[in-house]
Amino acid sequence: MVRFILFLALFLALCYVIKGFLKGLKLRKVLKTGSKQAGEQPPITDELVQDPVCGVYCPKRDALSLNQQGKTYYFCSDKCRQEFREKRNNL
């Protein structure tokens, strides 16, 4: 009877060790592959541009653009774009 209890205790301890080892392998695999963890933010892929009138930064995909003399200017709003046009025309 004592042998059976010792064998059962050893068996449970071995199962516990194997389970921990497998969990560690799974965690290493996730970290190596770069899988997204809960709460992880995706990388920023859009470029920020500065409005030359008010100095505000905004994503290039959302900005309004204006081409003048072969150069592209980006603006946060139509108001800033109009103000820039008026200043450039008065020069």
N, C-alpha and C. Protein backbone atom coordinates (compact mmCIF):
# COMPACT_ATOMS: atom_id res chain seq x y z
N MET A 1 0.83 -1.19 0.00
CA MET A 1 0.00 0.00 0.00
C MET A 1 0.87 1.26 0.00
N VAL A 2 1.95 1.24 0.80
CA VAL A 2 2.83 2.39 0.88
C VAL A 2 3.53 2.60 -0.47
N ARG A 3 3.91 1.49 -1.11
CA ARG A 3 4.53 1.58 -2.43
C ARG A 3 3.58 2.23 -3.44
N PHE A 4 2.33 1.85 -3.37
CA PHE A 4 1.34 2.41 -4.31
C PHE A 4 1.20 3.92 -4.11
N ILE A 5 1.17 4.39 -2.88
CA ILE A 5 1.04 5.82 -2.58
C ILE A 5 2.29 6.57 -3.06
N LEU A 6 3.50 5.98 -2.83
CA LEU A 6 4.72 6.60 -3.32
C LEU A 6 4.74 6.66 -4.85
N PHE A 7 4.32 5.57 -5.50
CA PHE A 7 4.26 5.53 -6.96
C PHE A 7 3.29 6.59 -7.48
N LEU A 8 2.15 6.73 -6.86
CA LEU A 8 1.15 7.72 -7.26
C LEU A 8 1.69 9.14 -7.08
N ALA A 9 2.39 9.38 -5.97
CA ALA A 9 2.96 10.71 -5.71
C ALA A 9 4.02 11.03 -6.75
N LEU A 10 4.90 10.08 -7.09
CA LEU A 10 5.91 10.28 -8.12
C LEU A 10 5.27 10.53 -9.49
N PHE A 11 4.23 9.77 -9.79
CA PHE A 11 3.53 9.94 -11.06
C PHE A 11 2.91 11.34 -11.17
N LEU A 12 2.28 11.83 -10.12
CA LEU A 12 1.68 13.16 -10.13
C LEU A 12 2.75 14.25 -10.23
N ALA A 13 3.86 14.06 -9.56
CA ALA A 13 4.95 15.03 -9.63
C ALA A 13 5.52 15.08 -11.04
N LEU A 14 5.69 13.92 -11.67
CA LEU A 14 6.19 13.85 -13.03
C LEU A 14 5.22 14.53 -14.00
N CYS A 15 3.94 14.32 -13.83
CA CYS A 15 2.93 14.98 -14.68
C CYS A 15 2.99 16.49 -14.52
N TYR A 16 3.17 16.96 -13.30
CA TYR A 16 3.27 18.39 -13.03
C TYR A 16 4.49 18.99 -13.73
N VAL A 17 5.63 18.30 -13.68
CA VAL A 17 6.86 18.78 -14.31
C VAL A 17 6.69 18.81 -15.82
N ILE A 18 6.12 17.76 -16.39
CA ILE A 18 5.92 17.70 -17.85
C ILE A 18 4.96 18.80 -18.30
N LYS A 19 3.92 19.02 -17.55
CA LYS A 19 2.95 20.07 -17.90
C LYS A 19 3.62 21.45 -17.90
N GLY A 20 4.44 21.75 -16.91
CA GLY A 20 5.17 23.01 -16.85
C GLY A 20 6.14 23.16 -18.00
N PHE A 21 6.81 22.07 -18.35
CA PHE A 21 7.76 22.09 -19.47
C PHE A 21 7.04 22.39 -20.79
N LEU A 22 5.91 21.74 -21.02
CA LEU A 22 5.15 21.98 -22.25
C LEU A 22 4.61 23.40 -22.32
N LYS A 23 4.19 23.94 -21.19
CA LYS A 23 3.70 25.31 -21.15
C LYS A 23 4.83 26.29 -21.49
N GLY A 24 6.04 26.01 -20.99
CA GLY A 24 7.21 26.84 -21.30
C GLY A 24 7.55 26.80 -22.78
N LEU A 25 7.45 25.63 -23.40
CA LEU A 25 7.70 25.51 -24.84
C LEU A 25 6.68 26.30 -25.64
N LYS A 26 5.45 26.24 -25.22
CA LYS A 26 4.39 26.97 -25.92
C LYS A 26 4.62 28.47 -25.83
N LEU A 27 5.03 28.96 -24.66
CA LEU A 27 5.30 30.38 -24.47
C LEU A 27 6.48 30.82 -25.32
N ARG A 28 7.53 29.99 -25.38
CA ARG A 28 8.68 30.34 -26.23
C ARG A 28 8.30 30.41 -27.69
N LYS A 29 7.44 29.51 -28.13
CA LYS A 29 7.00 29.49 -29.53
C LYS A 29 6.22 30.76 -29.85
N VAL A 30 5.36 31.19 -28.95
CA VAL A 30 4.58 32.41 -29.15
C VAL A 30 5.50 33.62 -29.22
N LEU A 31 6.50 33.68 -28.35
CA LEU A 31 7.42 34.81 -28.34
C LEU A 31 8.29 34.83 -29.59
N LYS A 32 8.70 33.67 -30.09
CA LYS A 32 9.54 33.60 -31.28
C LYS A 32 8.78 34.02 -32.53
N THR A 33 7.53 33.58 -32.67
CA THR A 33 6.76 33.88 -33.87
C THR A 33 6.20 35.29 -33.86
N GLY A 34 6.20 35.95 -32.72
CA GLY A 34 5.70 37.31 -32.66
C GLY A 34 4.19 37.40 -32.71
N SER A 35 3.52 36.37 -32.28
CA SER A 35 2.07 36.39 -32.26
C SER A 35 1.58 37.51 -31.37
N LYS A 36 0.46 38.08 -31.73
CA LYS A 36 -0.08 39.19 -30.95
C LYS A 36 -0.62 38.70 -29.63
N GLN A 37 -0.20 39.33 -28.58
CA GLN A 37 -0.71 39.05 -27.25
C GLN A 37 -1.90 39.96 -27.00
N ALA A 38 -2.72 39.62 -26.04
CA ALA A 38 -3.87 40.44 -25.70
C ALA A 38 -3.40 41.81 -25.24
N GLY A 39 -3.96 42.87 -25.81
CA GLY A 39 -3.61 44.23 -25.42
C GLY A 39 -2.43 44.81 -26.17
N GLU A 40 -1.81 44.04 -27.05
CA GLU A 40 -0.66 44.54 -27.81
C GLU A 40 -1.14 45.47 -28.92
N GLN A 41 -0.50 46.60 -29.06
CA GLN A 41 -0.88 47.58 -30.07
C GLN A 41 -0.23 47.24 -31.40
N PRO A 42 -0.95 47.41 -32.51
CA PRO A 42 -0.33 47.18 -33.81
C PRO A 42 0.67 48.29 -34.11
N PRO A 43 1.67 48.01 -34.92
CA PRO A 43 2.66 49.04 -35.23
C PRO A 43 2.05 50.17 -36.04
N ILE A 44 2.55 51.37 -35.82
CA ILE A 44 2.09 52.53 -36.57
C ILE A 44 2.73 52.49 -37.95
N THR A 45 1.90 52.57 -38.97
CA THR A 45 2.44 52.45 -40.33
C THR A 45 2.26 53.73 -41.14
N ASP A 46 1.53 54.72 -40.63
CA ASP A 46 1.29 55.94 -41.38
C ASP A 46 2.27 57.03 -40.95
N GLU A 47 2.66 57.83 -41.91
CA GLU A 47 3.60 58.93 -41.65
C GLU A 47 2.83 60.15 -41.15
N LEU A 48 3.41 60.87 -40.19
CA LEU A 48 2.81 62.11 -39.71
C LEU A 48 3.43 63.28 -40.48
N VAL A 49 2.59 64.22 -40.85
CA VAL A 49 3.05 65.43 -41.54
C VAL A 49 2.63 66.65 -40.73
N GLN A 50 3.42 67.72 -40.82
CA GLN A 50 3.12 68.93 -40.05
C GLN A 50 2.48 69.97 -40.94
N ASP A 51 1.41 70.53 -40.45
CA ASP A 51 0.72 71.62 -41.14
C ASP A 51 1.61 72.86 -41.07
N PRO A 52 1.96 73.48 -42.22
CA PRO A 52 2.85 74.65 -42.19
C PRO A 52 2.19 75.91 -41.61
N VAL A 53 0.88 75.93 -41.51
CA VAL A 53 0.18 77.12 -41.01
C VAL A 53 0.07 77.09 -39.48
N CYS A 54 -0.54 76.03 -38.96
CA CYS A 54 -0.78 75.98 -37.50
C CYS A 54 0.20 75.09 -36.76
N GLY A 55 0.99 74.26 -37.47
CA GLY A 55 1.99 73.43 -36.83
C GLY A 55 1.48 72.11 -36.28
N VAL A 56 0.22 71.78 -36.53
CA VAL A 56 -0.36 70.54 -36.03
C VAL A 56 0.14 69.37 -36.87
N TYR A 57 0.43 68.24 -36.21
CA TYR A 57 0.80 67.01 -36.91
C TYR A 57 -0.46 66.18 -37.14
N CYS A 58 -0.58 65.61 -38.34
CA CYS A 58 -1.71 64.74 -38.64
C CYS A 58 -1.24 63.63 -39.57
N PRO A 59 -1.96 62.50 -39.60
CA PRO A 59 -1.57 61.40 -40.48
C PRO A 59 -1.65 61.84 -41.95
N LYS A 60 -0.68 61.42 -42.71
CA LYS A 60 -0.60 61.82 -44.12
C LYS A 60 -1.85 61.39 -44.89
N ARG A 61 -2.41 60.23 -44.54
CA ARG A 61 -3.59 59.72 -45.27
C ARG A 61 -4.83 60.58 -45.01
N ASP A 62 -4.87 61.31 -43.88
CA ASP A 62 -6.02 62.15 -43.55
C ASP A 62 -5.81 63.62 -43.91
N ALA A 63 -4.57 63.98 -44.23
CA ALA A 63 -4.25 65.39 -44.47
C ALA A 63 -4.72 65.83 -45.85
N LEU A 64 -5.03 67.12 -45.95
CA LEU A 64 -5.35 67.74 -47.24
C LEU A 64 -4.05 68.22 -47.85
N SER A 65 -3.91 68.05 -49.16
CA SER A 65 -2.64 68.41 -49.79
C SER A 65 -2.83 69.56 -50.78
N LEU A 66 -1.73 70.21 -51.05
CA LEU A 66 -1.70 71.31 -52.01
C LEU A 66 -0.35 71.28 -52.70
N ASN A 67 -0.36 71.24 -54.03
CA ASN A 67 0.88 71.25 -54.81
C ASN A 67 1.11 72.66 -55.32
N GLN A 68 2.25 73.22 -54.95
CA GLN A 68 2.62 74.54 -55.43
C GLN A 68 4.09 74.55 -55.80
N GLN A 69 4.39 74.96 -57.01
CA GLN A 69 5.75 75.08 -57.52
C GLN A 69 6.52 73.77 -57.35
N GLY A 70 5.86 72.65 -57.63
CA GLY A 70 6.51 71.34 -57.58
C GLY A 70 6.69 70.77 -56.19
N LYS A 71 6.18 71.43 -55.16
CA LYS A 71 6.30 70.93 -53.80
C LYS A 71 4.91 70.66 -53.25
N THR A 72 4.78 69.57 -52.49
CA THR A 72 3.50 69.20 -51.89
C THR A 72 3.48 69.62 -50.43
N TYR A 73 2.43 70.34 -50.05
CA TYR A 73 2.23 70.78 -48.67
C TYR A 73 1.00 70.04 -48.14
N TYR A 74 1.04 69.69 -46.85
CA TYR A 74 -0.07 68.97 -46.22
C TYR A 74 -0.67 69.81 -45.10
N PHE A 75 -2.01 69.75 -44.99
CA PHE A 75 -2.74 70.59 -44.04
C PHE A 75 -3.74 69.76 -43.24
N CYS A 76 -3.99 70.23 -42.02
CA CYS A 76 -4.93 69.53 -41.15
C CYS A 76 -6.38 69.88 -41.48
N SER A 77 -6.61 71.04 -42.10
CA SER A 77 -7.98 71.45 -42.42
C SER A 77 -7.99 72.32 -43.67
N ASP A 78 -9.19 72.48 -44.21
CA ASP A 78 -9.34 73.33 -45.40
C ASP A 78 -9.07 74.79 -45.05
N LYS A 79 -9.38 75.18 -43.82
CA LYS A 79 -9.13 76.55 -43.37
C LYS A 79 -7.63 76.88 -43.45
N CYS A 80 -6.79 75.97 -42.96
CA CYS A 80 -5.34 76.19 -43.02
C CYS A 80 -4.84 76.19 -44.47
N ARG A 81 -5.41 75.34 -45.30
CA ARG A 81 -5.00 75.29 -46.69
C ARG A 81 -5.34 76.60 -47.40
N GLN A 82 -6.54 77.14 -47.14
CA GLN A 82 -6.96 78.41 -47.75
C GLN A 82 -6.06 79.56 -47.27
N GLU A 83 -5.75 79.57 -45.98
CA GLU A 83 -4.90 80.62 -45.43
C GLU A 83 -3.51 80.57 -46.06
N PHE A 84 -2.99 79.36 -46.26
CA PHE A 84 -1.68 79.20 -46.89
C PHE A 84 -1.72 79.71 -48.33
N ARG A 85 -2.77 79.36 -49.07
CA ARG A 85 -2.92 79.83 -50.45
C ARG A 85 -2.93 81.35 -50.53
N GLU A 86 -3.70 81.98 -49.64
CA GLU A 86 -3.81 83.43 -49.64
C GLU A 86 -2.47 84.08 -49.34
N LYS A 87 -1.72 83.55 -48.38
CA LYS A 87 -0.41 84.11 -48.05
C LYS A 87 0.55 83.95 -49.21
N ARG A 88 0.53 82.79 -49.88
CA ARG A 88 1.43 82.54 -51.02
C ARG A 88 1.08 83.43 -52.22
N ASN A 89 -0.22 83.70 -52.42
CA ASN A 89 -0.64 84.53 -53.54
C ASN A 89 -0.30 86.00 -53.31
N ASN A 90 -0.24 86.41 -52.05
CA ASN A 90 0.07 87.80 -51.73
C ASN A 90 1.56 88.09 -51.81
N LEU A 91 2.40 87.06 -51.87
CA LEU A 91 3.85 87.26 -51.94
C LEU A 91 4.32 87.64 -53.30
